[in-house]
Amino acid sequence: MAKYAKKAGEKVGEAIHEMKEGQLKTGTGRKVTSKKQAIAIGLSQAKKAGAKVPKKKS
C-alpha cells in the first residue's frame, strides 16, 4: 500500500471541498465535476508543495 503524507490528505480534502462548492477549476478554466479529478488535482498540488506522494501507476 502506498504511503501518503498527512499534508497530501489535507490538500485532497481542500480540493474536494472546493469542488463541492463549485470553485475548483481545471487548468483550462472549466469547473471540476468529477471526484476523481478533484483527488488528482489535490495530489498534484501536494506534490508541488513538497509532500510525500507516490509515483503515478502506469
N, C-alpha and C. Protein backbone atom coordinates (compact mmCIF):
# COMPACT_ATOMS: atom_id res chain seq x y z
N MET A 1 0.84 -1.19 0.00
CA MET A 1 0.00 0.00 0.00
C MET A 1 0.88 1.24 0.00
N ALA A 2 0.53 2.19 -0.82
CA ALA A 2 1.30 3.42 -0.93
C ALA A 2 1.09 4.29 0.30
N LYS A 3 2.14 4.99 0.71
CA LYS A 3 2.07 5.86 1.88
C LYS A 3 2.04 7.31 1.42
N TYR A 4 1.02 8.02 1.87
CA TYR A 4 0.87 9.43 1.54
C TYR A 4 1.14 10.26 2.78
N ALA A 5 1.68 11.45 2.59
CA ALA A 5 1.93 12.36 3.70
C ALA A 5 0.60 12.93 4.20
N LYS A 6 0.59 13.37 5.45
CA LYS A 6 -0.62 13.97 6.03
C LYS A 6 -1.02 15.21 5.23
N LYS A 7 -0.02 15.96 4.79
CA LYS A 7 -0.25 17.17 4.00
C LYS A 7 -0.98 16.84 2.70
N ALA A 8 -0.66 15.69 2.11
CA ALA A 8 -1.32 15.28 0.86
C ALA A 8 -2.81 15.06 1.10
N GLY A 9 -3.15 14.44 2.23
CA GLY A 9 -4.55 14.22 2.57
C GLY A 9 -5.30 15.52 2.78
N GLU A 10 -4.62 16.48 3.39
CA GLU A 10 -5.23 17.79 3.61
C GLU A 10 -5.51 18.50 2.29
N LYS A 11 -4.54 18.43 1.36
CA LYS A 11 -4.71 19.08 0.06
C LYS A 11 -5.86 18.45 -0.72
N VAL A 12 -5.97 17.12 -0.66
CA VAL A 12 -7.05 16.42 -1.36
C VAL A 12 -8.39 16.82 -0.74
N GLY A 13 -8.44 16.91 0.58
CA GLY A 13 -9.66 17.33 1.25
C GLY A 13 -10.09 18.73 0.85
N GLU A 14 -9.11 19.63 0.75
CA GLU A 14 -9.40 21.00 0.32
C GLU A 14 -9.94 21.02 -1.11
N ALA A 15 -9.33 20.22 -1.98
CA ALA A 15 -9.75 20.17 -3.38
C ALA A 15 -11.18 19.65 -3.51
N ILE A 16 -11.51 18.61 -2.75
CA ILE A 16 -12.87 18.05 -2.80
C ILE A 16 -13.87 19.07 -2.27
N HIS A 17 -13.50 19.77 -1.20
CA HIS A 17 -14.38 20.80 -0.64
C HIS A 17 -14.64 21.90 -1.67
N GLU A 18 -13.59 22.34 -2.35
CA GLU A 18 -13.73 23.37 -3.38
C GLU A 18 -14.61 22.87 -4.53
N MET A 19 -14.46 21.58 -4.89
CA MET A 19 -15.26 21.02 -5.97
C MET A 19 -16.74 21.05 -5.60
N LYS A 20 -17.05 20.68 -4.37
CA LYS A 20 -18.44 20.66 -3.92
C LYS A 20 -19.05 22.05 -3.89
N GLU A 21 -18.22 23.07 -3.62
CA GLU A 21 -18.69 24.45 -3.63
C GLU A 21 -18.76 25.02 -5.05
N GLY A 22 -18.17 24.32 -6.01
CA GLY A 22 -18.18 24.77 -7.40
C GLY A 22 -17.08 25.76 -7.72
N GLN A 23 -16.03 25.81 -6.89
CA GLN A 23 -14.95 26.77 -7.09
C GLN A 23 -13.69 26.15 -7.70
N LEU A 24 -13.60 24.83 -7.73
CA LEU A 24 -12.40 24.17 -8.25
C LEU A 24 -12.42 24.18 -9.77
N LYS A 25 -11.33 24.63 -10.36
CA LYS A 25 -11.23 24.73 -11.82
C LYS A 25 -10.08 23.87 -12.33
N THR A 26 -10.21 23.44 -13.58
CA THR A 26 -9.14 22.70 -14.24
C THR A 26 -8.11 23.71 -14.77
N GLY A 27 -7.07 23.21 -15.37
CA GLY A 27 -6.05 24.08 -15.94
C GLY A 27 -6.59 24.97 -17.06
N THR A 28 -7.63 24.51 -17.74
CA THR A 28 -8.20 25.30 -18.83
C THR A 28 -9.32 26.24 -18.36
N GLY A 29 -9.64 26.18 -17.07
CA GLY A 29 -10.64 27.10 -16.52
C GLY A 29 -12.04 26.53 -16.38
N ARG A 30 -12.23 25.27 -16.74
CA ARG A 30 -13.56 24.66 -16.61
C ARG A 30 -13.77 24.17 -15.18
N LYS A 31 -15.03 24.08 -14.77
CA LYS A 31 -15.36 23.59 -13.44
C LYS A 31 -15.09 22.08 -13.36
N VAL A 32 -14.60 21.65 -12.21
CA VAL A 32 -14.36 20.23 -11.98
C VAL A 32 -15.66 19.63 -11.45
N THR A 33 -16.11 18.53 -12.07
CA THR A 33 -17.35 17.88 -11.65
C THR A 33 -17.10 16.47 -11.15
N SER A 34 -15.94 15.90 -11.45
CA SER A 34 -15.61 14.53 -11.08
C SER A 34 -14.80 14.50 -9.79
N LYS A 35 -15.19 13.59 -8.87
CA LYS A 35 -14.45 13.43 -7.61
C LYS A 35 -13.03 12.93 -7.89
N LYS A 36 -12.89 12.04 -8.88
CA LYS A 36 -11.57 11.52 -9.25
C LYS A 36 -10.65 12.64 -9.71
N GLN A 37 -11.20 13.56 -10.48
CA GLN A 37 -10.41 14.68 -10.98
C GLN A 37 -10.00 15.60 -9.83
N ALA A 38 -10.89 15.79 -8.85
CA ALA A 38 -10.58 16.63 -7.69
C ALA A 38 -9.45 16.01 -6.88
N ILE A 39 -9.47 14.69 -6.73
CA ILE A 39 -8.42 13.99 -6.00
C ILE A 39 -7.09 14.14 -6.73
N ALA A 40 -7.11 14.00 -8.05
CA ALA A 40 -5.89 14.14 -8.85
C ALA A 40 -5.31 15.54 -8.71
N ILE A 41 -6.16 16.55 -8.71
CA ILE A 41 -5.70 17.94 -8.56
C ILE A 41 -5.10 18.15 -7.18
N GLY A 42 -5.76 17.60 -6.15
CA GLY A 42 -5.25 17.71 -4.78
C GLY A 42 -3.90 17.07 -4.62
N LEU A 43 -3.71 15.89 -5.21
CA LEU A 43 -2.42 15.20 -5.13
C LEU A 43 -1.34 15.97 -5.88
N SER A 44 -1.72 16.54 -7.02
CA SER A 44 -0.77 17.33 -7.80
C SER A 44 -0.32 18.56 -7.02
N GLN A 45 -1.26 19.23 -6.34
CA GLN A 45 -0.92 20.40 -5.54
C GLN A 45 -0.02 20.01 -4.37
N ALA A 46 -0.30 18.86 -3.77
CA ALA A 46 0.50 18.38 -2.64
C ALA A 46 1.92 18.08 -3.10
N LYS A 47 2.03 17.47 -4.28
CA LYS A 47 3.35 17.14 -4.82
C LYS A 47 4.17 18.40 -5.07
N LYS A 48 3.51 19.45 -5.61
CA LYS A 48 4.19 20.72 -5.86
C LYS A 48 4.62 21.39 -4.56
N ALA A 49 3.85 21.15 -3.49
CA ALA A 49 4.14 21.75 -2.19
C ALA A 49 5.24 20.98 -1.46
N GLY A 50 5.65 19.83 -2.02
CA GLY A 50 6.75 19.07 -1.45
C GLY A 50 6.32 17.92 -0.55
N ALA A 51 5.02 17.59 -0.53
CA ALA A 51 4.54 16.48 0.30
C ALA A 51 4.91 15.14 -0.33
N LYS A 52 4.97 14.10 0.50
CA LYS A 52 5.31 12.77 0.02
C LYS A 52 4.11 12.16 -0.69
N VAL A 53 4.22 12.02 -2.01
CA VAL A 53 3.16 11.46 -2.84
C VAL A 53 3.80 10.41 -3.74
N PRO A 54 3.30 9.15 -3.69
CA PRO A 54 3.87 8.10 -4.54
C PRO A 54 3.72 8.41 -6.03
N LYS A 55 4.58 7.79 -6.83
CA LYS A 55 4.53 7.98 -8.27
C LYS A 55 3.25 7.40 -8.85
N LYS A 56 2.82 7.96 -9.99
CA LYS A 56 1.63 7.52 -10.68
C LYS A 56 1.83 6.10 -11.22
N LYS A 57 0.81 5.24 -11.01
CA LYS A 57 0.87 3.88 -11.56
C LYS A 57 0.62 3.94 -13.05
N SER A 58 1.31 3.10 -13.80
CA SER A 58 1.10 3.10 -15.25
C SER A 58 0.52 1.80 -15.72
